[in-house]
């Protein structure tokens, strides 16, 4: 399961979205399911015209999907 939610910037809708933590059943982990969920979610955001996606999770995990960190560790 993956969650996508609109993010308001200073109370305004700037077409930013938050990508929530991924959830994959333990017996399905390490089989590419989490990667497939993240790729699909990001693809849907691109297709919808989203401006940005904010991810609050492990930057090393999500870096393989193209996002870059800004202002983080």
C-alpha atoms as a PDB file:
ATOM      1  CA  UNK A   1       0.000   0.000   0.000  1.00  0.00           C
ATOM      2  CA  UNK A   2       1.170   3.533  -0.731  1.00  0.00           C
ATOM      3  CA  UNK A   3      -0.442   6.860   0.162  1.00  0.00           C
ATOM      4  CA  UNK A   4      -0.368  10.082  -1.867  1.00  0.00           C
ATOM      5  CA  UNK A   5      -1.739  13.250  -0.279  1.00  0.00           C
ATOM      6  CA  UNK A   6      -1.935  16.879  -1.411  1.00  0.00           C
ATOM      7  CA  UNK A   7       0.485  19.207   0.374  1.00  0.00           C
ATOM      8  CA  UNK A   8      -0.358  22.869   0.902  1.00  0.00           C
ATOM      9  CA  UNK A   9       2.447  25.443   0.794  1.00  0.00           C
ATOM     10  CA  UNK A  10       1.625  28.413   3.040  1.00  0.00           C
ATOM     11  CA  UNK A  11      -2.023  27.353   2.758  1.00  0.00           C
ATOM     12  CA  UNK A  12      -1.961  27.328  -1.060  1.00  0.00           C
ATOM     13  CA  UNK A  13      -2.357  24.421  -3.434  1.00  0.00           C
ATOM     14  CA  UNK A  14       0.816  24.505  -5.548  1.00  0.00           C
ATOM     15  CA  UNK A  15       0.263  20.971  -6.961  1.00  0.00           C
ATOM     16  CA  UNK A  16       2.686  19.420  -4.466  1.00  0.00           C
ATOM     17  CA  UNK A  17       2.001  15.959  -3.072  1.00  0.00           C
ATOM     18  CA  UNK A  18       3.332  13.862  -0.231  1.00  0.00           C
ATOM     19  CA  UNK A  19       4.293  10.249  -0.776  1.00  0.00           C
ATOM     20  CA  UNK A  20       3.581   8.323   2.408  1.00  0.00           C
ATOM     21  CA  UNK A  21       5.621   5.436   3.667  1.00  0.00           C
ATOM     22  CA  UNK A  22       5.226   2.236   1.677  1.00  0.00           C
ATOM     23  CA  UNK A  23       3.722  -0.841   3.247  1.00  0.00           C
ATOM     24  CA  UNK A  24       4.415  -4.315   1.904  1.00  0.00           C
ATOM     25  CA  UNK A  25       3.435  -7.486   3.741  1.00  0.00           C
ATOM     26  CA  UNK A  26       6.529  -9.150   5.234  1.00  0.00           C
ATOM     27  CA  UNK A  27       6.101 -12.277   3.088  1.00  0.00           C
ATOM     28  CA  UNK A  28       6.104 -10.057  -0.054  1.00  0.00           C
ATOM     29  CA  UNK A  29       9.135  -7.924   0.846  1.00  0.00           C
ATOM     30  CA  UNK A  30      12.418  -8.111  -1.082  1.00  0.00           C
ATOM     31  CA  UNK A  31      10.566  -9.115  -4.270  1.00  0.00           C
ATOM     32  CA  UNK A  32      10.353  -5.683  -5.906  1.00  0.00           C
ATOM     33  CA  UNK A  33       6.830  -4.932  -4.699  1.00  0.00           C
ATOM     34  CA  UNK A  34       7.788  -1.756  -2.815  1.00  0.00           C
ATOM     35  CA  UNK A  35       9.756  -0.524  -5.821  1.00  0.00           C
ATOM     36  CA  UNK A  36       6.791  -1.203  -8.103  1.00  0.00           C
ATOM     37  CA  UNK A  37       4.483   0.734  -5.754  1.00  0.00           C
ATOM     38  CA  UNK A  38       6.833   3.731  -5.621  1.00  0.00           C
ATOM     39  CA  UNK A  39       7.396   3.784  -9.381  1.00  0.00           C
ATOM     40  CA  UNK A  40       3.661   3.558 -10.065  1.00  0.00           C
ATOM     41  CA  UNK A  41       2.833   6.316  -7.566  1.00  0.00           C
ATOM     42  CA  UNK A  42       5.481   8.664  -8.991  1.00  0.00           C
ATOM     43  CA  UNK A  43       4.378   7.878 -12.549  1.00  0.00           C
ATOM     44  CA  UNK A  44       0.783   8.744 -11.660  1.00  0.00           C
ATOM     45  CA  UNK A  45       1.895  12.022 -10.105  1.00  0.00           C
ATOM     46  CA  UNK A  46       3.891  12.945 -13.237  1.00  0.00           C
ATOM     47  CA  UNK A  47       0.910  12.091 -15.457  1.00  0.00           C
ATOM     48  CA  UNK A  48      -1.407  14.218 -13.323  1.00  0.00           C
ATOM     49  CA  UNK A  49       0.817  17.284 -13.685  1.00  0.00           C
ATOM     50  CA  UNK A  50       2.033  17.363 -10.081  1.00  0.00           C
ATOM     51  CA  UNK A  51       4.686  20.004  -9.504  1.00  0.00           C
ATOM     52  CA  UNK A  52       6.631  18.238  -6.759  1.00  0.00           C
ATOM     53  CA  UNK A  53       6.543  15.232  -4.478  1.00  0.00           C
ATOM     54  CA  UNK A  54       7.647  15.418  -0.853  1.00  0.00           C
ATOM     55  CA  UNK A  55       8.908  12.192   0.690  1.00  0.00           C
ATOM     56  CA  UNK A  56       9.502  11.944   4.424  1.00  0.00           C
ATOM     57  CA  UNK A  57      11.316   8.659   4.702  1.00  0.00           C
ATOM     58  CA  UNK A  58      14.688   7.089   3.950  1.00  0.00           C
ATOM     59  CA  UNK A  59      16.361   9.192   1.217  1.00  0.00           C
ATOM     60  CA  UNK A  60      18.628   6.279   0.251  1.00  0.00           C
ATOM     61  CA  UNK A  61      15.615   4.086  -0.581  1.00  0.00           C
ATOM     62  CA  UNK A  62      13.752   6.664  -2.668  1.00  0.00           C
ATOM     63  CA  UNK A  63      16.840   8.035  -4.478  1.00  0.00           C
ATOM     64  CA  UNK A  64      16.749   5.094  -6.902  1.00  0.00           C
ATOM     65  CA  UNK A  65      13.407   6.376  -8.253  1.00  0.00           C
ATOM     66  CA  UNK A  66      14.789   9.761  -9.277  1.00  0.00           C
ATOM     67  CA  UNK A  67      13.834  12.155  -6.455  1.00  0.00           C
ATOM     68  CA  UNK A  68      16.594  14.258  -5.044  1.00  0.00           C
ATOM     69  CA  UNK A  69      16.906  15.652  -1.567  1.00  0.00           C
ATOM     70  CA  UNK A  70      16.803  19.363  -0.970  1.00  0.00           C
ATOM     71  CA  UNK A  71      17.637  20.917   2.364  1.00  0.00           C
ATOM     72  CA  UNK A  72      17.808  17.535   4.063  1.00  0.00           C
ATOM     73  CA  UNK A  73      20.582  15.371   5.365  1.00  0.00           C
END
